[in-house]
């Protein structure tokens, strides 16, 4: 890519002008746009603190942080799944008879349809 006319100045180590050249046009070697694209890190491979810091950096830069915020909330909430499932299962474990079987069957059908 040819640029406009201009000049080039070189300095030595003591900041004194070593050379001064003028030119009518110059060829500029520019990198393609995809060279400057940064890789987005995988949220699943970051720990909570790293992901939180990355989200804060993206927010200050004005980027969309919703997918990363969801991943952060998933990191917090997923360990509680076993506790919630246990609390839901305890009433069925202590109930006996036909009523318990029909209720468990209804919950199982609901769970199956909700989880796909």
C-alpha atoms as a PDB file:
ATOM      1  CA  UNK A   1       0.000   0.000   0.000  1.00  0.00           C
ATOM      2  CA  UNK A   2       1.552   3.311  -1.074  1.00  0.00           C
ATOM      3  CA  UNK A   3       1.331   6.144   1.382  1.00  0.00           C
ATOM      4  CA  UNK A   4       1.452   9.934   1.020  1.00  0.00           C
ATOM      5  CA  UNK A   5       4.690  11.920   0.763  1.00  0.00           C
ATOM      6  CA  UNK A   6       6.575  12.342   3.985  1.00  0.00           C
ATOM      7  CA  UNK A   7       9.888  12.200   5.768  1.00  0.00           C
ATOM      8  CA  UNK A   8      11.920   9.794   7.884  1.00  0.00           C
ATOM      9  CA  UNK A   9      14.232  10.774  10.688  1.00  0.00           C
ATOM     10  CA  UNK A  10      16.674   8.463  12.522  1.00  0.00           C
ATOM     11  CA  UNK A  11      18.249   9.175  15.904  1.00  0.00           C
ATOM     12  CA  UNK A  12      21.387   7.904  17.578  1.00  0.00           C
ATOM     13  CA  UNK A  13      21.660   6.771  21.210  1.00  0.00           C
ATOM     14  CA  UNK A  14      22.113  10.325  22.474  1.00  0.00           C
ATOM     15  CA  UNK A  15      18.850  11.397  20.758  1.00  0.00           C
ATOM     16  CA  UNK A  16      20.683  13.411  18.113  1.00  0.00           C
ATOM     17  CA  UNK A  17      19.490  13.333  14.499  1.00  0.00           C
ATOM     18  CA  UNK A  18      21.546  10.816  12.568  1.00  0.00           C
ATOM     19  CA  UNK A  19      19.755  11.099   9.203  1.00  0.00           C
ATOM     20  CA  UNK A  20      16.825  12.883   7.627  1.00  0.00           C
ATOM     21  CA  UNK A  21      15.238  11.738   4.349  1.00  0.00           C
ATOM     22  CA  UNK A  22      12.206  12.936   2.425  1.00  0.00           C
ATOM     23  CA  UNK A  23      10.206  10.722   0.068  1.00  0.00           C
ATOM     24  CA  UNK A  24       7.367  11.094  -2.426  1.00  0.00           C
ATOM     25  CA  UNK A  25       5.657   7.860  -1.420  1.00  0.00           C
ATOM     26  CA  UNK A  26       6.436   4.808   0.671  1.00  0.00           C
ATOM     27  CA  UNK A  27       5.227   1.242   0.670  1.00  0.00           C
ATOM     28  CA  UNK A  28       3.688   0.306   3.989  1.00  0.00           C
ATOM     29  CA  UNK A  29       3.688  -3.346   5.019  1.00  0.00           C
ATOM     30  CA  UNK A  30       0.479  -3.783   6.996  1.00  0.00           C
ATOM     31  CA  UNK A  31      -0.644  -6.900   8.793  1.00  0.00           C
ATOM     32  CA  UNK A  32      -4.048  -8.345   7.842  1.00  0.00           C
ATOM     33  CA  UNK A  33      -6.945  -7.569  10.213  1.00  0.00           C
ATOM     34  CA  UNK A  34      -7.160 -11.141  11.548  1.00  0.00           C
ATOM     35  CA  UNK A  35      -3.561 -10.829  12.789  1.00  0.00           C
ATOM     36  CA  UNK A  36      -4.795  -8.523  15.555  1.00  0.00           C
ATOM     37  CA  UNK A  37      -7.665 -10.736  16.653  1.00  0.00           C
ATOM     38  CA  UNK A  38      -7.154 -12.170  20.116  1.00  0.00           C
ATOM     39  CA  UNK A  39      -8.134 -15.659  21.132  1.00  0.00           C
ATOM     40  CA  UNK A  40     -10.970 -15.828  23.585  1.00  0.00           C
ATOM     41  CA  UNK A  41     -10.101 -18.067  26.503  1.00  0.00           C
ATOM     42  CA  UNK A  42     -12.336 -20.988  27.373  1.00  0.00           C
ATOM     43  CA  UNK A  43     -14.454 -20.155  30.430  1.00  0.00           C
ATOM     44  CA  UNK A  44     -14.620 -23.836  31.411  1.00  0.00           C
ATOM     45  CA  UNK A  45     -10.837 -23.956  31.883  1.00  0.00           C
ATOM     46  CA  UNK A  46     -10.619 -20.892  34.113  1.00  0.00           C
ATOM     47  CA  UNK A  47     -11.166 -20.968  37.843  1.00  0.00           C
ATOM     48  CA  UNK A  48     -13.635 -18.621  39.533  1.00  0.00           C
ATOM     49  CA  UNK A  49     -11.126 -15.827  40.252  1.00  0.00           C
ATOM     50  CA  UNK A  50      -9.635 -15.891  36.749  1.00  0.00           C
ATOM     51  CA  UNK A  51     -13.057 -15.818  35.112  1.00  0.00           C
ATOM     52  CA  UNK A  52     -14.237 -12.978  37.385  1.00  0.00           C
ATOM     53  CA  UNK A  53     -11.135 -10.939  36.500  1.00  0.00           C
ATOM     54  CA  UNK A  54     -11.598 -11.638  32.781  1.00  0.00           C
ATOM     55  CA  UNK A  55     -15.243 -10.522  32.959  1.00  0.00           C
ATOM     56  CA  UNK A  56     -14.213  -7.275  34.673  1.00  0.00           C
ATOM     57  CA  UNK A  57     -11.638  -6.610  31.926  1.00  0.00           C
ATOM     58  CA  UNK A  58     -14.196  -7.229  29.189  1.00  0.00           C
ATOM     59  CA  UNK A  59     -16.752  -4.970  30.898  1.00  0.00           C
ATOM     60  CA  UNK A  60     -14.306  -2.064  31.061  1.00  0.00           C
ATOM     61  CA  UNK A  61     -13.514  -2.580  27.359  1.00  0.00           C
ATOM     62  CA  UNK A  62     -17.210  -2.514  26.453  1.00  0.00           C
ATOM     63  CA  UNK A  63     -17.538  -6.117  25.264  1.00  0.00           C
ATOM     64  CA  UNK A  64     -20.517  -8.423  25.719  1.00  0.00           C
ATOM     65  CA  UNK A  65     -19.935 -10.388  28.939  1.00  0.00           C
ATOM     66  CA  UNK A  66     -23.249 -12.276  29.156  1.00  0.00           C
ATOM     67  CA  UNK A  67     -21.890 -15.702  28.066  1.00  0.00           C
ATOM     68  CA  UNK A  68     -19.015 -15.405  30.527  1.00  0.00           C
ATOM     69  CA  UNK A  69     -21.315 -14.222  33.329  1.00  0.00           C
ATOM     70  CA  UNK A  70     -23.514 -17.282  32.735  1.00  0.00           C
ATOM     71  CA  UNK A  71     -20.443 -19.524  32.880  1.00  0.00           C
ATOM     72  CA  UNK A  72     -19.420 -17.849  36.145  1.00  0.00           C
ATOM     73  CA  UNK A  73     -22.856 -18.415  37.692  1.00  0.00           C
ATOM     74  CA  UNK A  74     -22.760 -22.017  36.491  1.00  0.00           C
ATOM     75  CA  UNK A  75     -19.449 -22.520  38.317  1.00  0.00           C
ATOM     76  CA  UNK A  76     -21.109 -21.296  41.511  1.00  0.00           C
ATOM     77  CA  UNK A  77     -24.420 -23.116  41.191  1.00  0.00           C
ATOM     78  CA  UNK A  78     -23.403 -26.515  39.826  1.00  0.00           C
ATOM     79  CA  UNK A  79     -21.984 -27.884  43.130  1.00  0.00           C
ATOM     80  CA  UNK A  80     -25.383 -27.275  44.753  1.00  0.00           C
ATOM     81  CA  UNK A  81     -27.187 -29.559  42.283  1.00  0.00           C
ATOM     82  CA  UNK A  82     -26.437 -32.654  44.383  1.00  0.00           C
ATOM     83  CA  UNK A  83     -27.751 -31.000  47.540  1.00  0.00           C
ATOM     84  CA  UNK A  84     -30.975 -29.881  45.835  1.00  0.00           C
ATOM     85  CA  UNK A  85     -31.522 -33.289  44.248  1.00  0.00           C
ATOM     86  CA  UNK A  86     -30.946 -34.971  47.625  1.00  0.00           C
ATOM     87  CA  UNK A  87     -33.444 -32.675  49.340  1.00  0.00           C
ATOM     88  CA  UNK A  88     -35.988 -33.447  46.636  1.00  0.00           C
ATOM     89  CA  UNK A  89     -35.393 -37.203  46.910  1.00  0.00           C
ATOM     90  CA  UNK A  90     -35.630 -37.531  50.715  1.00  0.00           C
ATOM     91  CA  UNK A  91     -39.446 -37.255  50.928  1.00  0.00           C
ATOM     92  CA  UNK A  92     -39.792 -39.978  48.297  1.00  0.00           C
ATOM     93  CA  UNK A  93     -37.332 -42.219  50.112  1.00  0.00           C
ATOM     94  CA  UNK A  94     -39.300 -42.142  53.366  1.00  0.00           C
ATOM     95  CA  UNK A  95     -42.775 -42.455  51.794  1.00  0.00           C
ATOM     96  CA  UNK A  96     -44.125 -45.919  51.024  1.00  0.00           C
ATOM     97  CA  UNK A  97     -47.141 -47.339  49.242  1.00  0.00           C
ATOM     98  CA  UNK A  98     -49.036 -46.614  46.047  1.00  0.00           C
ATOM     99  CA  UNK A  99     -49.183 -42.867  46.672  1.00  0.00           C
ATOM    100  CA  UNK A 100     -45.385 -42.696  46.823  1.00  0.00           C
ATOM    101  CA  UNK A 101     -45.023 -44.652  43.580  1.00  0.00           C
ATOM    102  CA  UNK A 102     -47.461 -42.426  41.691  1.00  0.00           C
ATOM    103  CA  UNK A 103     -45.868 -39.251  43.047  1.00  0.00           C
ATOM    104  CA  UNK A 104     -42.398 -40.516  42.169  1.00  0.00           C
ATOM    105  CA  UNK A 105     -43.612 -41.436  38.699  1.00  0.00           C
ATOM    106  CA  UNK A 106     -45.056 -37.943  38.216  1.00  0.00           C
ATOM    107  CA  UNK A 107     -41.822 -36.318  39.364  1.00  0.00           C
ATOM    108  CA  UNK A 108     -39.833 -38.625  37.107  1.00  0.00           C
ATOM    109  CA  UNK A 109     -41.971 -37.707  34.094  1.00  0.00           C
ATOM    110  CA  UNK A 110     -41.626 -34.021  34.919  1.00  0.00           C
ATOM    111  CA  UNK A 111     -37.854 -34.369  35.302  1.00  0.00           C
ATOM    112  CA  UNK A 112     -37.591 -36.241  32.000  1.00  0.00           C
ATOM    113  CA  UNK A 113     -39.562 -33.596  30.104  1.00  0.00           C
ATOM    114  CA  UNK A 114     -37.622 -30.722  31.703  1.00  0.00           C
ATOM    115  CA  UNK A 115     -34.177 -32.164  31.000  1.00  0.00           C
ATOM    116  CA  UNK A 116     -34.989 -33.189  27.475  1.00  0.00           C
END
